[in-house]
Amino acid sequence: MTPYEIEIILHYFCLGSKDHPDISRNPPVWRPTIDGLCSSGILACVEGLTDVAYRITEKGCAYVEHVCAVQVPVCKWVQPPGGNALI
């Protein structure tokens, strides 16, 4: 999962009533990314006359919940190999 994909997923999770801004900007990465997210079942194309073209699915919501459950990394100070050598 790329940061761009995660950003799009989070956009539809948090702001589902508005399409992602790149839908109108249409950068080269947009179409393959949105197609991949839809084919994986994370997003779905909205049919009919609506204000949005895509929506997050239950699978997408579950993905966001899993991302949010990941612990923030912490730094752990350790003694370097070789004893008292300064780095």
PDB file of N, CA and C in Angstrom:
ATOM      1  N   MET A   1       0.860  -1.179   0.000  1.00  0.00           N
ATOM      2  CA  MET A   1       0.000   0.000   0.000  1.00  0.00           C
ATOM      3  C   MET A   1       0.902   1.236   0.000  1.00  0.00           C
ATOM      4  N   THR A   2       0.647   2.135  -0.929  1.00  0.00           N
ATOM      5  CA  THR A   2       1.459   3.348  -1.001  1.00  0.00           C
ATOM      6  C   THR A   2       0.839   4.448  -0.136  1.00  0.00           C
ATOM      7  N   PRO A   3       1.637   5.460   0.242  1.00  0.00           N
ATOM      8  CA  PRO A   3       1.067   6.586   0.981  1.00  0.00           C
ATOM      9  C   PRO A   3      -0.067   7.271   0.204  1.00  0.00           C
ATOM     10  N   TYR A   4       0.049   7.334  -1.117  1.00  0.00           N
ATOM     11  CA  TYR A   4      -1.010   7.946  -1.924  1.00  0.00           C
ATOM     12  C   TYR A   4      -2.310   7.147  -1.815  1.00  0.00           C
ATOM     13  N   GLU A   5      -2.210   5.824  -1.885  1.00  0.00           N
ATOM     14  CA  GLU A   5      -3.395   4.984  -1.725  1.00  0.00           C
ATOM     15  C   GLU A   5      -4.013   5.174  -0.339  1.00  0.00           C
ATOM     16  N   ILE A   6      -3.164   5.198   0.687  1.00  0.00           N
ATOM     17  CA  ILE A   6      -3.662   5.384   2.050  1.00  0.00           C
ATOM     18  C   ILE A   6      -4.360   6.734   2.177  1.00  0.00           C
ATOM     19  N   GLU A   7      -3.787   7.776   1.566  1.00  0.00           N
ATOM     20  CA  GLU A   7      -4.397   9.106   1.625  1.00  0.00           C
ATOM     21  C   GLU A   7      -5.775   9.111   0.972  1.00  0.00           C
ATOM     22  N   ILE A   8      -5.914   8.438  -0.157  1.00  0.00           N
ATOM     23  CA  ILE A   8      -7.215   8.364  -0.835  1.00  0.00           C
ATOM     24  C   ILE A   8      -8.224   7.600   0.020  1.00  0.00           C
ATOM     25  N   ILE A   9      -7.796   6.471   0.579  1.00  0.00           N
ATOM     26  CA  ILE A   9      -8.686   5.683   1.440  1.00  0.00           C
ATOM     27  C   ILE A   9      -9.145   6.520   2.631  1.00  0.00           C
ATOM     28  N   LEU A  10      -8.208   7.210   3.275  1.00  0.00           N
ATOM     29  CA  LEU A  10      -8.569   8.045   4.423  1.00  0.00           C
ATOM     30  C   LEU A  10      -9.490   9.189   4.019  1.00  0.00           C
ATOM     31  N   HIS A  11      -9.284   9.725   2.839  1.00  0.00           N
ATOM     32  CA  HIS A  11     -10.174  10.788   2.360  1.00  0.00           C
ATOM     33  C   HIS A  11     -11.618  10.278   2.303  1.00  0.00           C
ATOM     34  N   TYR A  12     -11.822   9.133   1.660  1.00  0.00           N
ATOM     35  CA  TYR A  12     -13.187   8.615   1.531  1.00  0.00           C
ATOM     36  C   TYR A  12     -13.741   8.116   2.867  1.00  0.00           C
ATOM     37  N   PHE A  13     -12.868   7.710   3.768  1.00  0.00           N
ATOM     38  CA  PHE A  13     -13.322   7.321   5.104  1.00  0.00           C
ATOM     39  C   PHE A  13     -13.796   8.548   5.884  1.00  0.00           C
ATOM     40  N   CYS A  14     -13.018   9.628   5.823  1.00  0.00           N
ATOM     41  CA  CYS A  14     -13.307  10.830   6.623  1.00  0.00           C
ATOM     42  C   CYS A  14     -14.247  11.809   5.942  1.00  0.00           C
ATOM     43  N   LEU A  15     -14.156  11.921   4.627  1.00  0.00           N
ATOM     44  CA  LEU A  15     -14.925  12.928   3.888  1.00  0.00           C
ATOM     45  C   LEU A  15     -15.725  12.277   2.763  1.00  0.00           C
ATOM     46  N   GLY A  16     -16.448  11.240   3.086  1.00  0.00           N
ATOM     47  CA  GLY A  16     -17.167  10.463   2.087  1.00  0.00           C
ATOM     48  C   GLY A  16     -18.208  11.226   1.292  1.00  0.00           C
ATOM     49  N   SER A  17     -18.590  12.407   1.758  1.00  0.00           N
ATOM     50  CA  SER A  17     -19.597  13.180   1.039  1.00  0.00           C
ATOM     51  C   SER A  17     -18.977  14.029  -0.076  1.00  0.00           C
ATOM     52  N   LYS A  18     -17.634  14.008  -0.167  1.00  0.00           N
ATOM     53  CA  LYS A  18     -16.932  14.763  -1.207  1.00  0.00           C
ATOM     54  C   LYS A  18     -15.923  13.850  -1.886  1.00  0.00           C
ATOM     55  N   ASP A  19     -15.844  13.937  -3.226  1.00  0.00           N
ATOM     56  CA  ASP A  19     -14.833  13.163  -3.929  1.00  0.00           C
ATOM     57  C   ASP A  19     -13.446  13.719  -3.659  1.00  0.00           C
ATOM     58  N   HIS A  20     -12.467  12.879  -3.819  1.00  0.00           N
ATOM     59  CA  HIS A  20     -11.067  13.281  -3.660  1.00  0.00           C
ATOM     60  C   HIS A  20     -10.748  14.349  -4.707  1.00  0.00           C
ATOM     61  N   PRO A  21      -9.969  15.376  -4.352  1.00  0.00           N
ATOM     62  CA  PRO A  21      -9.645  16.452  -5.299  1.00  0.00           C
ATOM     63  C   PRO A  21      -8.966  15.971  -6.581  1.00  0.00           C
ATOM     64  N   ASP A  22      -8.247  14.862  -6.516  1.00  0.00           N
ATOM     65  CA  ASP A  22      -7.558  14.379  -7.712  1.00  0.00           C
ATOM     66  C   ASP A  22      -8.503  13.830  -8.771  1.00  0.00           C
ATOM     67  N   ILE A  23      -9.766  13.632  -8.427  1.00  0.00           N
ATOM     68  CA  ILE A  23     -10.724  13.178  -9.430  1.00  0.00           C
ATOM     69  C   ILE A  23     -10.871  14.233 -10.532  1.00  0.00           C
ATOM     70  N   SER A  24     -10.756  15.505 -10.177  1.00  0.00           N
ATOM     71  CA  SER A  24     -10.844  16.565 -11.190  1.00  0.00           C
ATOM     72  C   SER A  24      -9.459  16.965 -11.706  1.00  0.00           C
ATOM     73  N   ARG A  25      -8.422  16.874 -10.866  1.00  0.00           N
ATOM     74  CA  ARG A  25      -7.056  17.192 -11.313  1.00  0.00           C
ATOM     75  C   ARG A  25      -6.534  16.122 -12.262  1.00  0.00           C
ATOM     76  N   ASN A  26      -6.914  14.872 -11.998  1.00  0.00           N
ATOM     77  CA  ASN A  26      -6.573  13.708 -12.823  1.00  0.00           C
ATOM     78  C   ASN A  26      -5.071  13.564 -13.122  1.00  0.00           C
ATOM     79  N   PRO A  27      -4.233  13.489 -12.074  1.00  0.00           N
ATOM     80  CA  PRO A  27      -2.806  13.243 -12.324  1.00  0.00           C
ATOM     81  C   PRO A  27      -2.623  11.830 -12.894  1.00  0.00           C
ATOM     82  N   PRO A  28      -1.497  11.557 -13.538  1.00  0.00           N
ATOM     83  CA  PRO A  28      -1.293  10.228 -14.145  1.00  0.00           C
ATOM     84  C   PRO A  28      -1.449   9.060 -13.174  1.00  0.00           C
ATOM     85  N   VAL A  29      -1.158   9.262 -11.911  1.00  0.00           N
ATOM     86  CA  VAL A  29      -1.253   8.186 -10.922  1.00  0.00           C
ATOM     87  C   VAL A  29      -2.706   7.912 -10.496  1.00  0.00           C
ATOM     88  N   TRP A  30      -3.620   8.834 -10.756  1.00  0.00           N
ATOM     89  CA  TRP A  30      -4.993   8.717 -10.270  1.00  0.00           C
ATOM     90  C   TRP A  30      -5.707   7.471 -10.800  1.00  0.00           C
ATOM     91  N   ARG A  31      -5.806   7.324 -12.110  1.00  0.00           N
ATOM     92  CA  ARG A  31      -6.615   6.239 -12.694  1.00  0.00           C
ATOM     93  C   ARG A  31      -6.136   4.866 -12.261  1.00  0.00           C
ATOM     94  N   PRO A  32      -4.830   4.526 -12.376  1.00  0.00           N
ATOM     95  CA  PRO A  32      -4.429   3.187 -11.926  1.00  0.00           C
ATOM     96  C   PRO A  32      -4.642   2.979 -10.426  1.00  0.00           C
ATOM     97  N   THR A  33      -4.480   4.041  -9.648  1.00  0.00           N
ATOM     98  CA  THR A  33      -4.661   3.913  -8.194  1.00  0.00           C
ATOM     99  C   THR A  33      -6.119   3.669  -7.855  1.00  0.00           C
ATOM    100  N   ILE A  34      -7.018   4.464  -8.404  1.00  0.00           N
ATOM    101  CA  ILE A  34      -8.440   4.310  -8.071  1.00  0.00           C
ATOM    102  C   ILE A  34      -8.976   2.985  -8.604  1.00  0.00           C
ATOM    103  N   ASP A  35      -8.505   2.583  -9.790  1.00  0.00           N
ATOM    104  CA  ASP A  35      -8.922   1.288 -10.340  1.00  0.00           C
ATOM    105  C   ASP A  35      -8.453   0.143  -9.446  1.00  0.00           C
ATOM    106  N   GLY A  36      -7.224   0.240  -8.938  1.00  0.00           N
ATOM    107  CA  GLY A  36      -6.703  -0.794  -8.047  1.00  0.00           C
ATOM    108  C   GLY A  36      -7.462  -0.868  -6.726  1.00  0.00           C
ATOM    109  N   LEU A  37      -7.794   0.297  -6.168  1.00  0.00           N
ATOM    110  CA  LEU A  37      -8.549   0.310  -4.909  1.00  0.00           C
ATOM    111  C   LEU A  37      -9.956  -0.257  -5.104  1.00  0.00           C
ATOM    112  N   CYS A  38     -10.546   0.003  -6.258  1.00  0.00           N
ATOM    113  CA  CYS A  38     -11.879  -0.541  -6.542  1.00  0.00           C
ATOM    114  C   CYS A  38     -11.809  -2.052  -6.805  1.00  0.00           C
ATOM    115  N   SER A  39     -10.802  -2.485  -7.568  1.00  0.00           N
ATOM    116  CA  SER A  39     -10.708  -3.918  -7.858  1.00  0.00           C
ATOM    117  C   SER A  39     -10.373  -4.736  -6.618  1.00  0.00           C
ATOM    118  N   SER A  40      -9.711  -4.118  -5.638  1.00  0.00           N
ATOM    119  CA  SER A  40      -9.402  -4.831  -4.396  1.00  0.00           C
ATOM    120  C   SER A  40     -10.572  -4.814  -3.409  1.00  0.00           C
ATOM    121  N   GLY A  41     -11.619  -4.046  -3.726  1.00  0.00           N
ATOM    122  CA  GLY A  41     -12.793  -4.011  -2.858  1.00  0.00           C
ATOM    123  C   GLY A  41     -12.704  -3.011  -1.731  1.00  0.00           C
ATOM    124  N   ILE A  42     -11.715  -2.139  -1.758  1.00  0.00           N
ATOM    125  CA  ILE A  42     -11.572  -1.138  -0.694  1.00  0.00           C
ATOM    126  C   ILE A  42     -12.470   0.063  -0.965  1.00  0.00           C
ATOM    127  N   LEU A  43     -12.574   0.446  -2.228  1.00  0.00           N
ATOM    128  CA  LEU A  43     -13.508   1.483  -2.657  1.00  0.00           C
ATOM    129  C   LEU A  43     -14.467   0.884  -3.669  1.00  0.00           C
ATOM    130  N   ALA A  44     -15.591   1.539  -3.866  1.00  0.00           N
ATOM    131  CA  ALA A  44     -16.561   1.098  -4.855  1.00  0.00           C
ATOM    132  C   ALA A  44     -17.037   2.300  -5.657  1.00  0.00           C
ATOM    133  N   CYS A  45     -17.280   2.056  -6.929  1.00  0.00           N
ATOM    134  CA  CYS A  45     -17.825   3.085  -7.803  1.00  0.00           C
ATOM    135  C   CYS A  45     -19.301   3.253  -7.455  1.00  0.00           C
ATOM    136  N   VAL A  46     -19.753   4.487  -7.323  1.00  0.00           N
ATOM    137  CA  VAL A  46     -21.148   4.758  -6.981  1.00  0.00           C
ATOM    138  C   VAL A  46     -21.950   4.859  -8.274  1.00  0.00           C
ATOM    139  N   GLU A  47     -23.009   4.098  -8.357  1.00  0.00           N
ATOM    140  CA  GLU A  47     -23.869   4.095  -9.541  1.00  0.00           C
ATOM    141  C   GLU A  47     -24.977   5.124  -9.403  1.00  0.00           C
ATOM    142  N   GLY A  48     -25.431   5.656 -10.505  1.00  0.00           N
ATOM    143  CA  GLY A  48     -26.571   6.577 -10.491  1.00  0.00           C
ATOM    144  C   GLY A  48     -26.157   8.019 -10.261  1.00  0.00           C
ATOM    145  N   LEU A  49     -27.145   8.848 -10.115  1.00  0.00           N
ATOM    146  CA  LEU A  49     -26.915  10.282  -9.922  1.00  0.00           C
ATOM    147  C   LEU A  49     -26.665  10.568  -8.442  1.00  0.00           C
ATOM    148  N   THR A  50     -25.418  10.810  -8.115  1.00  0.00           N
ATOM    149  CA  THR A  50     -25.039  11.142  -6.738  1.00  0.00           C
ATOM    150  C   THR A  50     -24.012  12.261  -6.779  1.00  0.00           C
ATOM    151  N   ASP A  51     -23.670  12.760  -5.614  1.00  0.00           N
ATOM    152  CA  ASP A  51     -22.674  13.822  -5.524  1.00  0.00           C
ATOM    153  C   ASP A  51     -21.236  13.294  -5.553  1.00  0.00           C
ATOM    154  N   VAL A  52     -21.067  11.992  -5.393  1.00  0.00           N
ATOM    155  CA  VAL A  52     -19.731  11.400  -5.373  1.00  0.00           C
ATOM    156  C   VAL A  52     -19.631  10.252  -6.366  1.00  0.00           C
ATOM    157  N   ALA A  53     -18.410  10.008  -6.848  1.00  0.00           N
ATOM    158  CA  ALA A  53     -18.185   8.918  -7.796  1.00  0.00           C
ATOM    159  C   ALA A  53     -17.753   7.628  -7.101  1.00  0.00           C
ATOM    160  N   TYR A  54     -17.151   7.759  -5.901  1.00  0.00           N
ATOM    161  CA  TYR A  54     -16.640   6.594  -5.181  1.00  0.00           C
ATOM    162  C   TYR A  54     -17.049   6.660  -3.719  1.00  0.00           C
ATOM    163  N   ARG A  55     -17.082   5.479  -3.092  1.00  0.00           N
ATOM    164  CA  ARG A  55     -17.382   5.395  -1.665  1.00  0.00           C
ATOM    165  C   ARG A  55     -16.502   4.311  -1.066  1.00  0.00           C
ATOM    166  N   ILE A  56     -16.259   4.428   0.223  1.00  0.00           N
ATOM    167  CA  ILE A  56     -15.477   3.403   0.908  1.00  0.00           C
ATOM    168  C   ILE A  56     -16.400   2.224   1.223  1.00  0.00           C
ATOM    169  N   THR A  57     -15.862   1.020   1.160  1.00  0.00           N
ATOM    170  CA  THR A  57     -16.631  -0.194   1.439  1.00  0.00           C
ATOM    171  C   THR A  57     -16.400  -0.638   2.885  1.00  0.00           C
ATOM    172  N   GLU A  58     -17.101  -1.683   3.280  1.00  0.00           N
ATOM    173  CA  GLU A  58     -16.856  -2.255   4.619  1.00  0.00           C
ATOM    174  C   GLU A  58     -15.416  -2.729   4.734  1.00  0.00           C
ATOM    175  N   LYS A  59     -14.901  -3.321   3.658  1.00  0.00           N
ATOM    176  CA  LYS A  59     -13.503  -3.772   3.654  1.00  0.00           C
ATOM    177  C   LYS A  59     -12.568  -2.576   3.835  1.00  0.00           C
ATOM    178  N   GLY A  60     -12.866  -1.466   3.172  1.00  0.00           N
ATOM    179  CA  GLY A  60     -12.065  -0.257   3.320  1.00  0.00           C
ATOM    180  C   GLY A  60     -12.107   0.283   4.735  1.00  0.00           C
ATOM    181  N   CYS A  61     -13.291   0.271   5.338  1.00  0.00           N
ATOM    182  CA  CYS A  61     -13.424   0.725   6.732  1.00  0.00           C
ATOM    183  C   CYS A  61     -12.630  -0.183   7.668  1.00  0.00           C
ATOM    184  N   ALA A  62     -12.664  -1.479   7.421  1.00  0.00           N
ATOM    185  CA  ALA A  62     -11.891  -2.417   8.240  1.00  0.00           C
ATOM    186  C   ALA A  62     -10.400  -2.144   8.084  1.00  0.00           C
ATOM    187  N   TYR A  63      -9.956  -1.827   6.869  1.00  0.00           N
ATOM    188  CA  TYR A  63      -8.553  -1.498   6.642  1.00  0.00           C
ATOM    189  C   TYR A  63      -8.144  -0.270   7.458  1.00  0.00           C
ATOM    190  N   VAL A  64      -8.967   0.773   7.436  1.00  0.00           N
ATOM    191  CA  VAL A  64      -8.673   1.988   8.198  1.00  0.00           C
ATOM    192  C   VAL A  64      -8.601   1.670   9.690  1.00  0.00           C
ATOM    193  N   GLU A  65      -9.507   0.853  10.177  1.00  0.00           N
ATOM    194  CA  GLU A  65      -9.475   0.472  11.596  1.00  0.00           C
ATOM    195  C   GLU A  65      -8.167  -0.246  11.937  1.00  0.00           C
ATOM    196  N   HIS A  66      -7.695  -1.113  11.026  1.00  0.00           N
ATOM    197  CA  HIS A  66      -6.432  -1.815  11.261  1.00  0.00           C
ATOM    198  C   HIS A  66      -5.249  -0.849  11.242  1.00  0.00           C
ATOM    199  N   VAL A  67      -5.249   0.089  10.304  1.00  0.00           N
ATOM    200  CA  VAL A  67      -4.168   1.084  10.259  1.00  0.00           C
ATOM    201  C   VAL A  67      -4.151   1.899  11.547  1.00  0.00           C
ATOM    202  N   CYS A  68      -5.318   2.283  12.019  1.00  0.00           N
ATOM    203  CA  CYS A  68      -5.394   3.079  13.253  1.00  0.00           C
ATOM    204  C   CYS A  68      -4.947   2.290  14.484  1.00  0.00           C
ATOM    205  N   ALA A  69      -5.017   0.980  14.419  1.00  0.00           N
ATOM    206  CA  ALA A  69      -4.636   0.137  15.559  1.00  0.00           C
ATOM    207  C   ALA A  69      -3.125  -0.106  15.637  1.00  0.00           C
ATOM    208  N   VAL A  70      -2.393   0.263  14.587  1.00  0.00           N
ATOM    209  CA  VAL A  70      -0.940   0.054  14.593  1.00  0.00           C
ATOM    210  C   VAL A  70      -0.305   0.991  15.617  1.00  0.00           C
ATOM    211  N   GLN A  71       0.555   0.429  16.454  1.00  0.00           N
ATOM    212  CA  GLN A  71       1.247   1.208  17.475  1.00  0.00           C
ATOM    213  C   GLN A  71       2.254   2.151  16.820  1.00  0.00           C
ATOM    214  N   VAL A  72       2.420   3.328  17.393  1.00  0.00           N
ATOM    215  CA  VAL A  72       3.436   4.267  16.932  1.00  0.00           C
ATOM    216  C   VAL A  72       4.797   3.730  17.364  1.00  0.00           C
ATOM    217  N   PRO A  73       5.781   3.673  16.452  1.00  0.00           N
ATOM    218  CA  PRO A  73       7.108   3.150  16.830  1.00  0.00           C
ATOM    219  C   PRO A  73       7.754   4.019  17.905  1.00  0.00           C
ATOM    220  N   VAL A  74       8.564   3.375  18.746  1.00  0.00           N
ATOM    221  CA  VAL A  74       9.295   4.104  19.785  1.00  0.00           C
ATOM    222  C   VAL A  74      10.784   3.832  19.609  1.00  0.00           C
ATOM    223  N   CYS A  75      11.576   4.754  20.079  1.00  0.00           N
ATOM    224  CA  CYS A  75      13.028   4.602  20.036  1.00  0.00           C
ATOM    225  C   CYS A  75      13.472   3.833  21.275  1.00  0.00           C
ATOM    226  N   LYS A  76      14.383   2.918  21.099  1.00  0.00           N
ATOM    227  CA  LYS A  76      14.899   2.143  22.224  1.00  0.00           C
ATOM    228  C   LYS A  76      16.417   2.290  22.220  1.00  0.00           C
ATOM    229  N   TRP A  77      16.960   2.845  23.295  1.00  0.00           N
ATOM    230  CA  TRP A  77      18.396   3.014  23.409  1.00  0.00           C
ATOM    231  C   TRP A  77      19.012   1.696  23.845  1.00  0.00           C
ATOM    232  N   VAL A  78      20.065   1.288  23.127  1.00  0.00           N
ATOM    233  CA  VAL A  78      20.750   0.027  23.439  1.00  0.00           C
ATOM    234  C   VAL A  78      22.256   0.259  23.462  1.00  0.00           C
ATOM    235  N   GLN A  79      22.947  -0.628  24.108  1.00  0.00           N
ATOM    236  CA  GLN A  79      24.410  -0.598  24.113  1.00  0.00           C
ATOM    237  C   GLN A  79      24.880  -1.141  22.780  1.00  0.00           C
ATOM    238  N   PRO A  80      25.720  -0.368  22.018  1.00  0.00           N
ATOM    239  CA  PRO A  80      26.200  -0.875  20.733  1.00  0.00           C
ATOM    240  C   PRO A  80      27.143  -2.056  20.931  1.00  0.00           C
ATOM    241  N   PRO A  81      27.270  -2.894  19.933  1.00  0.00           N
ATOM    242  CA  PRO A  81      28.218  -4.003  20.036  1.00  0.00           C
ATOM    243  C   PRO A  81      29.642  -3.467  20.233  1.00  0.00           C
ATOM    244  N   GLY A  82      30.433  -4.112  20.983  1.00  0.00           N
ATOM    245  CA  GLY A  82      31.807  -3.677  21.195  1.00  0.00           C
ATOM    246  C   GLY A  82      32.014  -2.894  22.482  1.00  0.00           C
ATOM    247  N   GLY A  83      30.985  -2.786  23.286  1.00  0.00           N
ATOM    248  CA  GLY A  83      31.165  -2.166  24.582  1.00  0.00           C
ATOM    249  C   GLY A  83      31.068  -0.660  24.596  1.00  0.00           C
ATOM    250  N   ASN A  84      32.155   0.001  24.996  1.00  0.00           N
ATOM    251  CA  ASN A  84      32.141   1.437  25.249  1.00  0.00           C
ATOM    252  C   ASN A  84      32.524   2.294  24.046  1.00  0.00           C
ATOM    253  N   ALA A  85      32.534   1.769  22.877  1.00  0.00           N
ATOM    254  CA  ALA A  85      32.930   2.547  21.696  1.00  0.00           C
ATOM    255  C   ALA A  85      31.947   3.676  21.456  1.00  0.00           C
ATOM    256  N   LEU A  86      32.496   4.869  21.186  1.00  0.00           N
ATOM    257  CA  LEU A  86      31.640   6.015  20.874  1.00  0.00           C
ATOM    258  C   LEU A  86      31.303   5.996  19.380  1.00  0.00           C
ATOM    259  N   ILE A  87      30.108   6.395  19.092  1.00  0.00           N
ATOM    260  CA  ILE A  87      29.670   6.416  17.687  1.00  0.00           C
ATOM    261  C   ILE A  87      29.675   7.842  17.187  1.00  0.00           C
TER     262      ILE A  87
END
